[in-house]
Amino acid sequence: MDLESYFENNANGLANNVEGGGAGNFSVYNSVFKGSTNADLTISNTEQHTARNNFSINSKKFYYSTGGGQNGSMTAVTGNVILDTLDSEAIYVGDWGPATVNDNVIRSRASNTGPAIKMNVPSDMLTAGNKINTTISASGRWISFDNQVVTRASITNAEPILPFKSPKTTRQVFEVPTLS
């Protein structure tokens, strides 16, 4: 679980597709993501994943699930503020789900006319209470209610201030050489 963290200018903020193997689930809460070049959250190995009450700005995507073969990934993306993703799809679900995407605020760039939320496989998705300035696209069974399409100008959320604690400076620091 990742709680109240700050990620800036990474390829992926969090991912479960690390080179050399790696998988597993994760949950991320109350964190800030800025400028991720691939996605803030990247899923390639399916498990349960949760993203709740995060803030993202100027990343390529917020949530990117590339698909895990025949397996689904129970996903909950709730209460996030996602601003100005480089790709049209701020939330892209490419696995078999089920996915619950609710109470998010998504402001797409003016140049992005595609769906802000996209489920790309014929699976189950629930979208509810989202506030977006483009559209939602889903294949398969889709339950959608209380989503609002608003003007881009009406979405003006500010970055939250995270309650970081001061680092402990009395610990010994070990330098680790890089592998070549």
Protein backbone atom coordinates (compact mmCIF):
# COMPACT_ATOMS: atom_id res chain seq x y z
CA MET A 1 0.00 0.00 0.00
CA ASP A 2 1.25 3.45 -0.86
CA LEU A 3 -0.06 6.33 1.20
CA GLU A 4 0.59 10.06 0.78
CA SER A 5 3.52 9.80 -1.63
CA TYR A 6 4.84 12.16 -4.28
CA PHE A 7 5.90 11.01 -7.77
CA GLU A 8 7.32 13.41 -10.36
CA ASN A 9 8.78 12.85 -13.85
CA ASN A 10 8.90 9.04 -13.66
CA ALA A 11 8.19 6.60 -16.48
CA ASN A 12 5.65 4.92 -14.15
CA GLY A 13 4.69 6.15 -10.71
CA LEU A 14 3.78 2.61 -9.60
CA ALA A 15 3.89 -0.52 -11.74
CA ASN A 16 3.80 -4.28 -11.39
CA ASN A 17 5.67 -5.06 -14.60
CA VAL A 18 9.25 -4.48 -13.54
CA GLU A 19 12.08 -5.78 -15.70
CA GLY A 20 13.28 -9.22 -14.71
CA GLY A 21 9.92 -10.26 -13.31
CA GLY A 22 7.68 -8.92 -10.66
CA ALA A 23 3.99 -8.84 -10.12
CA GLY A 24 1.49 -8.39 -7.36
CA ASN A 25 -1.17 -5.96 -6.42
CA PHE A 26 -1.00 -2.48 -5.02
CA SER A 27 -3.21 0.18 -3.57
CA VAL A 28 -2.36 3.88 -3.67
CA TYR A 29 -4.09 6.56 -1.60
CA ASN A 30 -3.79 10.34 -1.23
CA SER A 31 -0.71 10.63 -3.46
CA VAL A 32 0.43 13.16 -6.07
CA PHE A 33 1.62 12.21 -9.56
CA LYS A 34 3.18 14.68 -12.01
CA GLY A 35 4.49 14.14 -15.52
CA SER A 36 4.68 10.33 -15.71
CA THR A 37 5.89 9.52 -19.23
CA ASN A 38 4.08 6.16 -19.48
CA ALA A 39 1.42 6.22 -16.75
CA ASP A 40 1.01 7.03 -13.09
CA LEU A 41 -0.22 3.47 -12.45
CA THR A 42 0.71 0.65 -14.86
CA ILE A 43 -0.75 -2.85 -14.52
CA SER A 44 0.48 -5.82 -16.56
CA ASN A 45 0.00 -8.64 -14.06
CA THR A 46 -3.56 -8.92 -12.89
CA GLU A 47 -4.47 -8.82 -9.21
CA GLN A 48 -6.64 -6.44 -7.21
CA HIS A 49 -5.68 -2.77 -7.59
CA THR A 50 -7.05 0.33 -5.90
CA ALA A 51 -6.40 4.02 -6.56
CA ARG A 52 -8.23 6.36 -4.19
CA ASN A 53 -8.12 10.13 -3.64
CA ASN A 54 -4.98 10.80 -5.69
CA PHE A 55 -4.03 13.87 -7.72
CA SER A 56 -2.43 13.66 -11.17
CA ILE A 57 -1.38 16.35 -13.61
CA ASN A 58 0.41 16.30 -17.00
CA SER A 59 1.01 12.55 -17.07
CA LYS A 60 0.57 10.45 -20.21
CA LYS A 61 -2.16 8.38 -18.51
CA PHE A 62 -3.32 7.98 -14.93
CA TYR A 63 -4.27 4.28 -14.92
CA TYR A 64 -3.04 1.95 -17.67
CA SER A 65 -3.84 -1.76 -17.63
CA THR A 66 -2.21 -3.53 -20.55
CA GLY A 67 -4.12 -6.76 -19.99
CA GLY A 68 -3.14 -9.99 -18.32
CA GLY A 69 -4.22 -12.64 -20.77
CA GLN A 70 -7.36 -14.50 -19.66
CA ASN A 71 -7.25 -13.16 -16.11
CA GLY A 72 -9.15 -10.21 -14.77
CA SER A 73 -8.02 -7.56 -12.34
CA MET A 74 -10.54 -6.32 -9.79
CA THR A 75 -9.95 -2.60 -10.06
CA ALA A 76 -11.32 0.35 -8.10
CA VAL A 77 -10.41 3.87 -9.24
CA THR A 78 -12.21 6.23 -6.87
CA GLY A 79 -12.16 9.91 -5.94
CA ASN A 80 -9.10 10.91 -7.97
CA VAL A 81 -8.46 14.30 -9.58
CA ILE A 82 -6.80 13.75 -12.97
CA LEU A 83 -5.84 16.82 -14.99
CA ASP A 84 -4.47 17.26 -18.51
CA THR A 85 -3.25 13.77 -19.46
CA LEU A 86 -1.22 13.64 -22.67
CA ASP A 87 -3.31 10.74 -24.03
CA SER A 88 -7.06 10.95 -24.44
CA GLU A 89 -7.62 7.96 -22.14
CA ALA A 90 -6.77 9.08 -18.61
CA ILE A 91 -8.05 5.70 -17.39
CA TYR A 92 -7.49 2.75 -19.74
CA VAL A 93 -8.64 -0.72 -18.67
CA GLY A 94 -7.28 -3.43 -20.98
CA ASP A 95 -7.83 -6.48 -18.75
CA TRP A 96 -10.96 -8.51 -18.01
CA GLY A 97 -11.98 -6.53 -14.95
CA PRO A 98 -14.30 -6.02 -13.29
CA ALA A 99 -13.58 -2.31 -12.97
CA THR A 100 -15.29 0.27 -10.79
CA VAL A 101 -14.50 3.85 -11.77
CA ASN A 102 -16.37 6.32 -9.62
CA ASP A 103 -16.34 9.85 -8.21
CA ASN A 104 -13.31 10.96 -10.22
CA VAL A 105 -12.74 14.42 -11.69
CA ILE A 106 -11.04 14.21 -15.08
CA ARG A 107 -10.08 17.25 -17.13
CA SER A 108 -8.76 16.28 -20.55
CA ARG A 109 -6.57 18.60 -22.59
CA ALA A 110 -8.44 20.66 -25.15
CA SER A 111 -6.73 18.66 -27.94
CA ASN A 112 -7.94 15.32 -26.53
CA THR A 113 -11.32 14.44 -27.96
CA GLY A 114 -11.35 10.71 -27.25
CA PRO A 115 -12.86 9.07 -24.17
CA ALA A 116 -11.34 9.97 -20.80
CA ILE A 117 -12.29 6.51 -19.46
CA LYS A 118 -11.99 3.47 -21.73
CA MET A 119 -12.59 -0.25 -21.14
CA ASN A 120 -11.10 -1.99 -24.15
CA VAL A 121 -12.26 -5.58 -23.57
CA PRO A 122 -15.80 -6.98 -23.39
CA SER A 123 -15.97 -7.18 -19.61
CA ASP A 124 -17.79 -5.57 -16.69
CA MET A 125 -17.39 -1.91 -15.77
CA LEU A 126 -19.28 0.41 -13.44
CA THR A 127 -18.85 4.15 -13.83
CA ALA A 128 -20.68 6.43 -11.43
CA GLY A 129 -20.41 10.00 -10.24
CA ASN A 130 -17.48 10.94 -12.47
CA LYS A 131 -17.09 14.54 -13.65
CA ILE A 132 -15.39 14.69 -17.06
CA ASN A 133 -15.16 17.01 -20.04
CA THR A 134 -15.13 14.32 -22.79
CA THR A 135 -16.75 10.87 -22.92
CA ILE A 136 -16.59 7.31 -21.55
CA SER A 137 -16.21 4.23 -23.77
CA ALA A 138 -16.85 0.65 -22.74
CA SER A 139 -17.33 -2.68 -24.44
CA GLY A 140 -19.13 -5.48 -22.67
CA ARG A 141 -21.47 -4.98 -19.74
CA TRP A 142 -21.37 -1.39 -18.58
CA ILE A 143 -23.41 0.20 -15.82
CA SER A 144 -23.21 3.97 -15.89
CA PHE A 145 -25.07 6.51 -13.79
CA ASP A 146 -24.68 10.01 -12.40
CA ASN A 147 -21.65 10.79 -14.58
CA GLN A 148 -21.48 14.44 -15.64
CA VAL A 149 -20.00 15.86 -18.82
CA VAL A 150 -18.98 19.44 -18.06
CA THR A 151 -16.95 22.15 -19.75
CA ARG A 152 -13.18 21.97 -19.47
CA ALA A 153 -13.09 25.43 -17.86
CA SER A 154 -15.36 24.32 -15.02
CA ILE A 155 -12.76 21.83 -13.73
CA THR A 156 -10.19 23.86 -11.81
CA ASN A 157 -8.94 21.69 -8.98
CA ALA A 158 -5.75 22.67 -7.16
CA GLU A 159 -2.96 20.32 -6.13
CA PRO A 160 -3.36 19.07 -2.57
CA ILE A 161 -0.72 19.75 0.06
CA LEU A 162 0.52 16.44 1.41
CA PRO A 163 1.28 16.21 5.14
CA PHE A 164 4.85 14.97 4.72
CA LYS A 165 6.85 14.28 7.83
CA SER A 166 10.39 15.60 8.12
CA PRO A 167 12.98 13.00 7.12
CA LYS A 168 14.96 11.33 9.86
CA THR A 169 18.50 12.63 9.31
CA THR A 170 20.29 10.54 11.94
CA ARG A 171 20.23 7.32 9.90
CA GLN A 172 23.34 6.02 8.19
CA VAL A 173 23.20 6.30 4.39
CA PHE A 174 24.63 3.45 2.28
CA GLU A 175 25.72 4.16 -1.26
CA VAL A 176 24.80 1.31 -3.62
CA PRO A 177 26.80 1.04 -6.87
CA THR A 178 24.88 0.74 -10.12
CA LEU A 179 25.06 -2.47 -12.12
CA SER A 180 26.66 -2.35 -15.52
